[in-house]
């Protein structure tokens, strides 16, 4: 029943937040599926530079979870743990995105 209600309202929302049971079972919090979650109109919420960095972040996480040879082949827990480890090294989201894009070059 919940799935039916979700599908009915899915098109009306601005944001989709997907949680991962696998992350929750491993006690990795927040148990957020970064690749599947997002906001439809991010371009209205973020400036162009920040938006570019957020898209890069999503592409990097998706590539971490993609199968080799194109990706690293990590499962969602390994990819999320790596992401959280990098986030803990910074004090702000802005600083995190700056470091992320410097490392991506």
PDB file of N, CA and C in Angstrom:
ATOM      1  N   UNK A   1       0.814  -1.190   0.000  1.00  0.00           N
ATOM      2  CA  UNK A   1       0.000   0.000   0.000  1.00  0.00           C
ATOM      3  C   UNK A   1       0.864   1.262   0.000  1.00  0.00           C
ATOM      4  N   UNK A   2       1.954   1.259   0.788  1.00  0.00           N
ATOM      5  CA  UNK A   2       2.835   2.421   0.835  1.00  0.00           C
ATOM      6  C   UNK A   2       3.422   2.723  -0.534  1.00  0.00           C
ATOM      7  N   UNK A   3       3.791   1.674  -1.273  1.00  0.00           N
ATOM      8  CA  UNK A   3       4.352   1.873  -2.613  1.00  0.00           C
ATOM      9  C   UNK A   3       3.339   2.516  -3.545  1.00  0.00           C
ATOM     10  N   UNK A   4       2.089   2.110  -3.435  1.00  0.00           N
ATOM     11  CA  UNK A   4       1.032   2.682  -4.265  1.00  0.00           C
ATOM     12  C   UNK A   4       0.859   4.173  -3.965  1.00  0.00           C
ATOM     13  N   UNK A   5       0.835   4.509  -2.706  1.00  0.00           N
ATOM     14  CA  UNK A   5       0.710   5.915  -2.303  1.00  0.00           C
ATOM     15  C   UNK A   5       1.930   6.702  -2.757  1.00  0.00           C
ATOM     16  N   UNK A   6       3.103   6.125  -2.581  1.00  0.00           N
ATOM     17  CA  UNK A   6       4.335   6.790  -3.013  1.00  0.00           C
ATOM     18  C   UNK A   6       4.307   7.090  -4.507  1.00  0.00           C
ATOM     19  N   UNK A   7       3.962   6.110  -5.307  1.00  0.00           N
ATOM     20  CA  UNK A   7       3.933   6.300  -6.762  1.00  0.00           C
ATOM     21  C   UNK A   7       2.907   7.356  -7.166  1.00  0.00           C
ATOM     22  N   UNK A   8       1.792   7.426  -6.445  1.00  0.00           N
ATOM     23  CA  UNK A   8       0.757   8.411  -6.757  1.00  0.00           C
ATOM     24  C   UNK A   8       1.253   9.835  -6.530  1.00  0.00           C
ATOM     25  N   UNK A   9       1.999  10.037  -5.458  1.00  0.00           N
ATOM     26  CA  UNK A   9       2.466  11.381  -5.113  1.00  0.00           C
ATOM     27  C   UNK A   9       3.866  11.691  -5.628  1.00  0.00           C
ATOM     28  N   UNK A  10       4.535  10.727  -6.189  1.00  0.00           N
ATOM     29  CA  UNK A  10       5.918  10.886  -6.637  1.00  0.00           C
ATOM     30  C   UNK A  10       6.092  12.077  -7.579  1.00  0.00           C
ATOM     31  N   UNK A  11       5.194  12.271  -8.489  1.00  0.00           N
ATOM     32  CA  UNK A  11       5.316  13.346  -9.463  1.00  0.00           C
ATOM     33  C   UNK A  11       5.037  14.730  -8.914  1.00  0.00           C
ATOM     34  N   UNK A  12       4.476  14.821  -7.720  1.00  0.00           N
ATOM     35  CA  UNK A  12       4.118  16.131  -7.176  1.00  0.00           C
ATOM     36  C   UNK A  12       5.195  16.717  -6.283  1.00  0.00           C
ATOM     37  N   UNK A  13       6.116  15.913  -5.818  1.00  0.00           N
ATOM     38  CA  UNK A  13       7.140  16.392  -4.895  1.00  0.00           C
ATOM     39  C   UNK A  13       8.319  17.025  -5.605  1.00  0.00           C
ATOM     40  N   UNK A  14       9.047  17.833  -4.882  1.00  0.00           N
ATOM     41  CA  UNK A  14      10.231  18.478  -5.421  1.00  0.00           C
ATOM     42  C   UNK A  14      11.486  17.685  -5.099  1.00  0.00           C
ATOM     43  N   UNK A  15      11.447  16.892  -4.050  1.00  0.00           N
ATOM     44  CA  UNK A  15      12.631  16.165  -3.624  1.00  0.00           C
ATOM     45  C   UNK A  15      12.297  14.705  -3.377  1.00  0.00           C
ATOM     46  N   UNK A  16      13.248  13.849  -3.724  1.00  0.00           N
ATOM     47  CA  UNK A  16      13.130  12.431  -3.405  1.00  0.00           C
ATOM     48  C   UNK A  16      14.306  12.054  -2.530  1.00  0.00           C
ATOM     49  N   UNK A  17      14.011  11.515  -1.370  1.00  0.00           N
ATOM     50  CA  UNK A  17      15.024  11.064  -0.435  1.00  0.00           C
ATOM     51  C   UNK A  17      14.890   9.555  -0.310  1.00  0.00           C
ATOM     52  N   UNK A  18      15.896   8.844  -0.773  1.00  0.00           N
ATOM     53  CA  UNK A  18      15.874   7.384  -0.725  1.00  0.00           C
ATOM     54  C   UNK A  18      16.829   6.913   0.360  1.00  0.00           C
ATOM     55  N   UNK A  19      16.311   6.100   1.250  1.00  0.00           N
ATOM     56  CA  UNK A  19      17.122   5.516   2.299  1.00  0.00           C
ATOM     57  C   UNK A  19      17.537   4.114   1.886  1.00  0.00           C
ATOM     58  N   UNK A  20      18.644   3.663   2.421  1.00  0.00           N
ATOM     59  CA  UNK A  20      19.169   2.350   2.080  1.00  0.00           C
ATOM     60  C   UNK A  20      19.063   1.414   3.279  1.00  0.00           C
ATOM     61  N   UNK A  21      18.351   0.336   3.091  1.00  0.00           N
ATOM     62  CA  UNK A  21      18.241  -0.666   4.154  1.00  0.00           C
ATOM     63  C   UNK A  21      19.611  -1.281   4.438  1.00  0.00           C
ATOM     64  N   UNK A  22      20.405  -1.466   3.397  1.00  0.00           N
ATOM     65  CA  UNK A  22      21.733  -2.060   3.563  1.00  0.00           C
ATOM     66  C   UNK A  22      22.610  -1.184   4.461  1.00  0.00           C
ATOM     67  N   UNK A  23      22.565   0.132   4.246  1.00  0.00           N
ATOM     68  CA  UNK A  23      23.331   1.040   5.103  1.00  0.00           C
ATOM     69  C   UNK A  23      22.799   1.009   6.531  1.00  0.00           C
ATOM     70  N   UNK A  24      21.493   1.000   6.669  1.00  0.00           N
ATOM     71  CA  UNK A  24      20.878   0.982   7.998  1.00  0.00           C
ATOM     72  C   UNK A  24      21.255  -0.288   8.745  1.00  0.00           C
ATOM     73  N   UNK A  25      21.244  -1.413   8.063  1.00  0.00           N
ATOM     74  CA  UNK A  25      21.597  -2.682   8.702  1.00  0.00           C
ATOM     75  C   UNK A  25      23.053  -2.707   9.143  1.00  0.00           C
ATOM     76  N   UNK A  26      23.913  -1.993   8.419  1.00  0.00           N
ATOM     77  CA  UNK A  26      25.330  -1.902   8.784  1.00  0.00           C
ATOM     78  C   UNK A  26      25.587  -0.770   9.774  1.00  0.00           C
ATOM     79  N   UNK A  27      24.510  -0.076  10.190  1.00  0.00           N
ATOM     80  CA  UNK A  27      24.581   1.029  11.148  1.00  0.00           C
ATOM     81  C   UNK A  27      25.437   2.176  10.626  1.00  0.00           C
ATOM     82  N   UNK A  28      25.295   2.463   9.340  1.00  0.00           N
ATOM     83  CA  UNK A  28      25.959   3.598   8.705  1.00  0.00           C
ATOM     84  C   UNK A  28      24.900   4.676   8.537  1.00  0.00           C
ATOM     85  N   UNK A  29      25.094   5.770   9.243  1.00  0.00           N
ATOM     86  CA  UNK A  29      24.105   6.840   9.229  1.00  0.00           C
ATOM     87  C   UNK A  29      24.746   8.148   8.802  1.00  0.00           C
ATOM     88  N   UNK A  30      24.066   8.972   8.035  1.00  0.00           N
ATOM     89  CA  UNK A  30      22.704   8.764   7.569  1.00  0.00           C
ATOM     90  C   UNK A  30      22.663   7.671   6.504  1.00  0.00           C
ATOM     91  N   UNK A  31      21.631   6.861   6.534  1.00  0.00           N
ATOM     92  CA  UNK A  31      21.479   5.738   5.609  1.00  0.00           C
ATOM     93  C   UNK A  31      20.857   6.216   4.304  1.00  0.00           C
ATOM     94  N   UNK A  32      21.473   7.194   3.707  1.00  0.00           N
ATOM     95  CA  UNK A  32      20.963   7.898   2.537  1.00  0.00           C
ATOM     96  C   UNK A  32      21.599   7.359   1.263  1.00  0.00           C
ATOM     97  N   UNK A  33      20.776   7.006   0.298  1.00  0.00           N
ATOM     98  CA  UNK A  33      21.261   6.590  -1.018  1.00  0.00           C
ATOM     99  C   UNK A  33      21.470   7.858  -1.848  1.00  0.00           C
ATOM    100  N   UNK A  34      22.715   8.306  -1.933  1.00  0.00           N
ATOM    101  CA  UNK A  34      23.051   9.573  -2.586  1.00  0.00           C
ATOM    102  C   UNK A  34      22.714   9.551  -4.070  1.00  0.00           C
ATOM    103  N   UNK A  35      22.956   8.433  -4.724  1.00  0.00           N
ATOM    104  CA  UNK A  35      22.737   8.350  -6.171  1.00  0.00           C
ATOM    105  C   UNK A  35      21.255   8.454  -6.510  1.00  0.00           C
ATOM    106  N   UNK A  36      20.395   7.805  -5.757  1.00  0.00           N
ATOM    107  CA  UNK A  36      18.959   7.796  -6.054  1.00  0.00           C
ATOM    108  C   UNK A  36      18.218   9.016  -5.519  1.00  0.00           C
ATOM    109  N   UNK A  37      18.798   9.716  -4.558  1.00  0.00           N
ATOM    110  CA  UNK A  37      18.138  10.874  -3.952  1.00  0.00           C
ATOM    111  C   UNK A  37      18.482  12.146  -4.715  1.00  0.00           C
ATOM    112  N   UNK A  38      17.598  13.115  -4.626  1.00  0.00           N
ATOM    113  CA  UNK A  38      17.898  14.387  -5.263  1.00  0.00           C
ATOM    114  C   UNK A  38      16.713  15.324  -5.281  1.00  0.00           C
ATOM    115  N   UNK A  39      16.984  16.510  -5.762  1.00  0.00           N
ATOM    116  CA  UNK A  39      15.980  17.554  -5.888  1.00  0.00           C
ATOM    117  C   UNK A  39      15.769  17.845  -7.362  1.00  0.00           C
ATOM    118  N   UNK A  40      14.541  17.969  -7.768  1.00  0.00           N
ATOM    119  CA  UNK A  40      14.243  18.183  -9.189  1.00  0.00           C
ATOM    120  C   UNK A  40      14.771  19.502  -9.716  1.00  0.00           C
ATOM    121  N   UNK A  41      14.696  20.533  -8.939  1.00  0.00           N
ATOM    122  CA  UNK A  41      15.049  21.866  -9.430  1.00  0.00           C
ATOM    123  C   UNK A  41      16.220  22.446  -8.643  1.00  0.00           C
ATOM    124  N   UNK A  42      17.300  21.699  -8.546  1.00  0.00           N
ATOM    125  CA  UNK A  42      18.477  22.168  -7.813  1.00  0.00           C
ATOM    126  C   UNK A  42      19.001  23.489  -8.347  1.00  0.00           C
ATOM    127  N   UNK A  43      18.845  23.696  -9.636  1.00  0.00           N
ATOM    128  CA  UNK A  43      19.370  24.922 -10.245  1.00  0.00           C
ATOM    129  C   UNK A  43      18.709  26.177  -9.680  1.00  0.00           C
ATOM    130  N   UNK A  44      17.536  26.027  -9.071  1.00  0.00           N
ATOM    131  CA  UNK A  44      16.877  27.167  -8.440  1.00  0.00           C
ATOM    132  C   UNK A  44      17.345  27.379  -6.998  1.00  0.00           C
ATOM    133  N   UNK A  45      17.973  26.367  -6.428  1.00  0.00           N
ATOM    134  CA  UNK A  45      18.402  26.441  -5.033  1.00  0.00           C
ATOM    135  C   UNK A  45      19.879  26.769  -4.871  1.00  0.00           C
ATOM    136  N   UNK A  46      20.684  26.401  -5.868  1.00  0.00           N
ATOM    137  CA  UNK A  46      22.136  26.535  -5.758  1.00  0.00           C
ATOM    138  C   UNK A  46      22.682  27.444  -6.843  1.00  0.00           C
ATOM    139  N   UNK A  47      23.791  28.115  -6.534  1.00  0.00           N
ATOM    140  CA  UNK A  47      24.446  28.903  -7.573  1.00  0.00           C
ATOM    141  C   UNK A  47      25.126  27.943  -8.554  1.00  0.00           C
ATOM    142  N   UNK A  48      25.513  28.438  -9.704  1.00  0.00           N
ATOM    143  CA  UNK A  48      26.026  27.594 -10.791  1.00  0.00           C
ATOM    144  C   UNK A  48      27.257  26.791 -10.376  1.00  0.00           C
ATOM    145  N   UNK A  49      28.178  27.395  -9.656  1.00  0.00           N
ATOM    146  CA  UNK A  49      29.408  26.704  -9.247  1.00  0.00           C
ATOM    147  C   UNK A  49      29.114  25.585  -8.255  1.00  0.00           C
ATOM    148  N   UNK A  50      28.275  25.852  -7.270  1.00  0.00           N
ATOM    149  CA  UNK A  50      27.907  24.825  -6.288  1.00  0.00           C
ATOM    150  C   UNK A  50      27.136  23.699  -6.965  1.00  0.00           C
ATOM    151  N   UNK A  51      26.261  24.039  -7.871  1.00  0.00           N
ATOM    152  CA  UNK A  51      25.494  23.038  -8.608  1.00  0.00           C
ATOM    153  C   UNK A  51      26.422  22.114  -9.387  1.00  0.00           C
ATOM    154  N   UNK A  52      27.433  22.681 -10.040  1.00  0.00           N
ATOM    155  CA  UNK A  52      28.410  21.882 -10.783  1.00  0.00           C
ATOM    156  C   UNK A  52      29.129  20.908  -9.845  1.00  0.00           C
ATOM    157  N   UNK A  53      29.484  21.371  -8.665  1.00  0.00           N
ATOM    158  CA  UNK A  53      30.189  20.532  -7.693  1.00  0.00           C
ATOM    159  C   UNK A  53      29.286  19.416  -7.157  1.00  0.00           C
ATOM    160  N   UNK A  54      28.024  19.719  -6.922  1.00  0.00           N
ATOM    161  CA  UNK A  54      27.078  18.702  -6.442  1.00  0.00           C
ATOM    162  C   UNK A  54      26.878  17.627  -7.506  1.00  0.00           C
ATOM    163  N   UNK A  55      26.754  18.038  -8.762  1.00  0.00           N
ATOM    164  CA  UNK A  55      26.614  17.057  -9.840  1.00  0.00           C
ATOM    165  C   UNK A  55      27.867  16.195  -9.950  1.00  0.00           C
ATOM    166  N   UNK A  56      29.034  16.806  -9.768  1.00  0.00           N
ATOM    167  CA  UNK A  56      30.286  16.051  -9.791  1.00  0.00           C
ATOM    168  C   UNK A  56      30.303  15.029  -8.658  1.00  0.00           C
ATOM    169  N   UNK A  57      29.861  15.436  -7.483  1.00  0.00           N
ATOM    170  CA  UNK A  57      29.781  14.520  -6.342  1.00  0.00           C
ATOM    171  C   UNK A  57      28.917  13.314  -6.683  1.00  0.00           C
ATOM    172  N   UNK A  58      27.747  13.548  -7.259  1.00  0.00           N
ATOM    173  CA  UNK A  58      26.853  12.435  -7.607  1.00  0.00           C
ATOM    174  C   UNK A  58      27.485  11.514  -8.652  1.00  0.00           C
ATOM    175  N   UNK A  59      28.145  12.111  -9.646  1.00  0.00           N
ATOM    176  CA  UNK A  59      28.808  11.290 -10.671  1.00  0.00           C
ATOM    177  C   UNK A  59      29.930  10.452 -10.064  1.00  0.00           C
ATOM    178  N   UNK A  60      30.673  11.045  -9.131  1.00  0.00           N
ATOM    179  CA  UNK A  60      31.768  10.316  -8.488  1.00  0.00           C
ATOM    180  C   UNK A  60      31.244   9.130  -7.684  1.00  0.00           C
ATOM    181  N   UNK A  61      30.187   9.342  -6.922  1.00  0.00           N
ATOM    182  CA  UNK A  61      29.617   8.250  -6.124  1.00  0.00           C
ATOM    183  C   UNK A  61      29.050   7.170  -7.043  1.00  0.00           C
ATOM    184  N   UNK A  62      28.371   7.562  -8.106  1.00  0.00           N
ATOM    185  CA  UNK A  62      27.829   6.588  -9.059  1.00  0.00           C
ATOM    186  C   UNK A  62      28.957   5.790  -9.703  1.00  0.00           C
ATOM    187  N   UNK A  63      30.066   6.453 -10.029  1.00  0.00           N
ATOM    188  CA  UNK A  63      31.202   5.757 -10.635  1.00  0.00           C
ATOM    189  C   UNK A  63      31.857   4.808  -9.634  1.00  0.00           C
ATOM    190  N   UNK A  64      31.891   5.189  -8.370  1.00  0.00           N
ATOM    191  CA  UNK A  64      32.431   4.298  -7.342  1.00  0.00           C
ATOM    192  C   UNK A  64      31.626   3.005  -7.284  1.00  0.00           C
ATOM    193  N   UNK A  65      30.317   3.106  -7.509  1.00  0.00           N
ATOM    194  CA  UNK A  65      29.444   1.940  -7.396  1.00  0.00           C
ATOM    195  C   UNK A  65      29.240   1.212  -8.722  1.00  0.00           C
ATOM    196  N   UNK A  66      29.743   1.768  -9.819  1.00  0.00           N
ATOM    197  CA  UNK A  66      29.603   1.114 -11.122  1.00  0.00           C
ATOM    198  C   UNK A  66      30.564  -0.071 -11.211  1.00  0.00           C
ATOM    199  N   UNK A  67      30.182  -1.046 -11.997  1.00  0.00           N
ATOM    200  CA  UNK A  67      31.017  -2.235 -12.172  1.00  0.00           C
ATOM    201  C   UNK A  67      32.276  -1.904 -12.962  1.00  0.00           C
ATOM    202  N   UNK A  68      33.387  -2.601 -12.665  1.00  0.00           N
ATOM    203  CA  UNK A  68      34.602  -2.419 -13.463  1.00  0.00           C
ATOM    204  C   UNK A  68      34.346  -2.869 -14.893  1.00  0.00           C
ATOM    205  N   UNK A  69      35.025  -2.412 -15.887  1.00  0.00           N
ATOM    206  CA  UNK A  69      36.206  -1.561 -15.817  1.00  0.00           C
ATOM    207  C   UNK A  69      35.890  -0.076 -15.728  1.00  0.00           C
ATOM    208  N   UNK A  70      34.652   0.341 -15.941  1.00  0.00           N
ATOM    209  CA  UNK A  70      34.329   1.766 -15.915  1.00  0.00           C
ATOM    210  C   UNK A  70      34.241   2.351 -14.524  1.00  0.00           C
ATOM    211  N   UNK A  71      33.981   1.521 -13.539  1.00  0.00           N
ATOM    212  CA  UNK A  71      33.825   2.006 -12.170  1.00  0.00           C
ATOM    213  C   UNK A  71      34.664   1.196 -11.202  1.00  0.00           C
ATOM    214  N   UNK A  72      34.583   1.559  -9.947  1.00  0.00           N
ATOM    215  CA  UNK A  72      35.387   0.898  -8.921  1.00  0.00           C
ATOM    216  C   UNK A  72      34.744  -0.395  -8.425  1.00  0.00           C
ATOM    217  N   UNK A  73      33.435  -0.550  -8.625  1.00  0.00           N
ATOM    218  CA  UNK A  73      32.757  -1.768  -8.212  1.00  0.00           C
ATOM    219  C   UNK A  73      32.456  -1.844  -6.725  1.00  0.00           C
ATOM    220  N   UNK A  74      32.469  -0.704  -6.034  1.00  0.00           N
ATOM    221  CA  UNK A  74      32.151  -0.695  -4.604  1.00  0.00           C
ATOM    222  C   UNK A  74      30.659  -0.922  -4.403  1.00  0.00           C
ATOM    223  N   UNK A  75      30.314  -1.525  -3.271  1.00  0.00           N
ATOM    224  CA  UNK A  75      28.902  -1.587  -2.918  1.00  0.00           C
ATOM    225  C   UNK A  75      28.530  -0.274  -2.227  1.00  0.00           C
ATOM    226  N   UNK A  76      27.262  -0.090  -1.952  1.00  0.00           N
ATOM    227  CA  UNK A  76      26.799   1.186  -1.401  1.00  0.00           C
ATOM    228  C   UNK A  76      27.420   1.474  -0.039  1.00  0.00           C
ATOM    229  N   UNK A  77      27.699   0.439   0.750  1.00  0.00           N
ATOM    230  CA  UNK A  77      28.275   0.680   2.075  1.00  0.00           C
ATOM    231  C   UNK A  77      29.703   1.205   1.970  1.00  0.00           C
ATOM    232  N   UNK A  78      30.507   0.619   1.111  1.00  0.00           N
ATOM    233  CA  UNK A  78      31.892   1.064   0.946  1.00  0.00           C
ATOM    234  C   UNK A  78      31.943   2.473   0.376  1.00  0.00           C
ATOM    235  N   UNK A  79      31.109   2.745  -0.624  1.00  0.00           N
ATOM    236  CA  UNK A  79      31.080   4.077  -1.233  1.00  0.00           C
ATOM    237  C   UNK A  79      30.623   5.128  -0.226  1.00  0.00           C
ATOM    238  N   UNK A  80      29.609   4.818   0.558  1.00  0.00           N
ATOM    239  CA  UNK A  80      29.101   5.774   1.544  1.00  0.00           C
ATOM    240  C   UNK A  80      30.114   6.000   2.658  1.00  0.00           C
ATOM    241  N   UNK A  81      30.766   4.933   3.113  1.00  0.00           N
ATOM    242  CA  UNK A  81      31.787   5.089   4.148  1.00  0.00           C
ATOM    243  C   UNK A  81      32.929   5.974   3.656  1.00  0.00           C
ATOM    244  N   UNK A  82      33.343   5.807   2.399  1.00  0.00           N
ATOM    245  CA  UNK A  82      34.400   6.651   1.833  1.00  0.00           C
ATOM    246  C   UNK A  82      33.952   8.108   1.770  1.00  0.00           C
ATOM    247  N   UNK A  83      32.719   8.325   1.371  1.00  0.00           N
ATOM    248  CA  UNK A  83      32.168   9.680   1.298  1.00  0.00           C
ATOM    249  C   UNK A  83      32.103  10.315   2.690  1.00  0.00           C
ATOM    250  N   UNK A  84      31.614   9.582   3.670  1.00  0.00           N
ATOM    251  CA  UNK A  84      31.521  10.106   5.034  1.00  0.00           C
ATOM    252  C   UNK A  84      32.898  10.395   5.622  1.00  0.00           C
ATOM    253  N   UNK A  85      33.866   9.555   5.302  1.00  0.00           N
ATOM    254  CA  UNK A  85      35.231   9.772   5.781  1.00  0.00           C
ATOM    255  C   UNK A  85      35.770  11.108   5.265  1.00  0.00           C
ATOM    256  N   UNK A  86      35.521  11.401   3.996  1.00  0.00           N
ATOM    257  CA  UNK A  86      35.959  12.677   3.430  1.00  0.00           C
ATOM    258  C   UNK A  86      35.183  13.847   4.036  1.00  0.00           C
ATOM    259  N   UNK A  87      33.903  13.653   4.280  1.00  0.00           N
ATOM    260  CA  UNK A  87      33.087  14.728   4.861  1.00  0.00           C
ATOM    261  C   UNK A  87      33.545  15.080   6.273  1.00  0.00           C
ATOM    262  N   UNK A  88      33.977  14.089   7.029  1.00  0.00           N
ATOM    263  CA  UNK A  88      34.410  14.332   8.414  1.00  0.00           C
ATOM    264  C   UNK A  88      35.677  15.184   8.483  1.00  0.00           C
ATOM    265  N   UNK A  89      36.407  15.266   7.394  1.00  0.00           N
ATOM    266  CA  UNK A  89      37.645  16.047   7.360  1.00  0.00           C
ATOM    267  C   UNK A  89      37.388  17.537   7.161  1.00  0.00           C
ATOM    268  N   UNK A  90      36.148  17.906   6.891  1.00  0.00           N
ATOM    269  CA  UNK A  90      35.821  19.306   6.618  1.00  0.00           C
ATOM    270  C   UNK A  90      34.797  19.823   7.621  1.00  0.00           C
ATOM    271  N   UNK A  91      34.735  21.141   7.725  1.00  0.00           N
ATOM    272  CA  UNK A  91      33.818  21.764   8.679  1.00  0.00           C
ATOM    273  C   UNK A  91      32.510  22.198   8.032  1.00  0.00           C
ATOM    274  N   UNK A  92      32.533  22.469   6.727  1.00  0.00           N
ATOM    275  CA  UNK A  92      31.333  22.963   6.047  1.00  0.00           C
ATOM    276  C   UNK A  92      31.110  22.205   4.742  1.00  0.00           C
ATOM    277  N   UNK A  93      29.896  22.266   4.237  1.00  0.00           N
ATOM    278  CA  UNK A  93      29.591  21.658   2.938  1.00  0.00           C
ATOM    279  C   UNK A  93      30.402  22.321   1.833  1.00  0.00           C
ATOM    280  N   UNK A  94      30.537  23.635   1.909  1.00  0.00           N
ATOM    281  CA  UNK A  94      31.294  24.380   0.901  1.00  0.00           C
ATOM    282  C   UNK A  94      32.744  23.895   0.856  1.00  0.00           C
ATOM    283  N   UNK A  95      33.356  23.743   2.015  1.00  0.00           N
ATOM    284  CA  UNK A  95      34.736  23.262   2.093  1.00  0.00           C
ATOM    285  C   UNK A  95      34.832  21.836   1.539  1.00  0.00           C
ATOM    286  N   UNK A  96      33.870  20.998   1.878  1.00  0.00           N
ATOM    287  CA  UNK A  96      33.858  19.622   1.372  1.00  0.00           C
ATOM    288  C   UNK A  96      33.793  19.596  -0.151  1.00  0.00           C
ATOM    289  N   UNK A  97      32.897  20.375  -0.734  1.00  0.00           N
ATOM    290  CA  UNK A  97      32.768  20.400  -2.192  1.00  0.00           C
ATOM    291  C   UNK A  97      34.016  20.969  -2.855  1.00  0.00           C
ATOM    292  N   UNK A  98      34.660  21.957  -2.224  1.00  0.00           N
ATOM    293  CA  UNK A  98      35.906  22.505  -2.771  1.00  0.00           C
ATOM    294  C   UNK A  98      37.001  21.445  -2.811  1.00  0.00           C
ATOM    295  N   UNK A  99      37.171  20.722  -1.712  1.00  0.00           N
ATOM    296  CA  UNK A  99      38.193  19.672  -1.653  1.00  0.00           C
ATOM    297  C   UNK A  99      37.874  18.565  -2.645  1.00  0.00           C
ATOM    298  N   UNK A 100      36.625  18.206  -2.736  1.00  0.00           N
ATOM    299  CA  UNK A 100      36.189  17.160  -3.658  1.00  0.00           C
ATOM    300  C   UNK A 100      36.550  17.506  -5.098  1.00  0.00           C
ATOM    301  N   UNK A 101      36.278  18.724  -5.511  1.00  0.00           N
ATOM    302  CA  UNK A 101      36.547  19.104  -6.899  1.00  0.00           C
ATOM    303  C   UNK A 101      38.034  19.276  -7.157  1.00  0.00           C
ATOM    304  N   UNK A 102      38.803  19.672  -6.154  1.00  0.00           N
ATOM    305  CA  UNK A 102      40.259  19.754  -6.326  1.00  0.00           C
ATOM    306  C   UNK A 102      40.845  18.366  -6.518  1.00  0.00           C
ATOM    307  N   UNK A 103      40.341  17.385  -5.767  1.00  0.00           N
ATOM    308  CA  UNK A 103      40.827  16.008  -5.888  1.00  0.00           C
ATOM    309  C   UNK A 103      40.390  15.356  -7.189  1.00  0.00           C
ATOM    310  N   UNK A 104      39.320  15.844  -7.788  1.00  0.00           N
ATOM    311  CA  UNK A 104      38.788  15.242  -9.017  1.00  0.00           C
ATOM    312  C   UNK A 104      39.562  15.682 -10.252  1.00  0.00           C
ATOM    313  N   UNK A 105      40.333  16.733 -10.134  1.00  0.00           N
ATOM    314  CA  UNK A 105      41.062  17.251 -11.303  1.00  0.00           C
ATOM    315  C   UNK A 105      42.257  16.425 -11.644  1.00  0.00           C
TER     316      UNK A 105
END
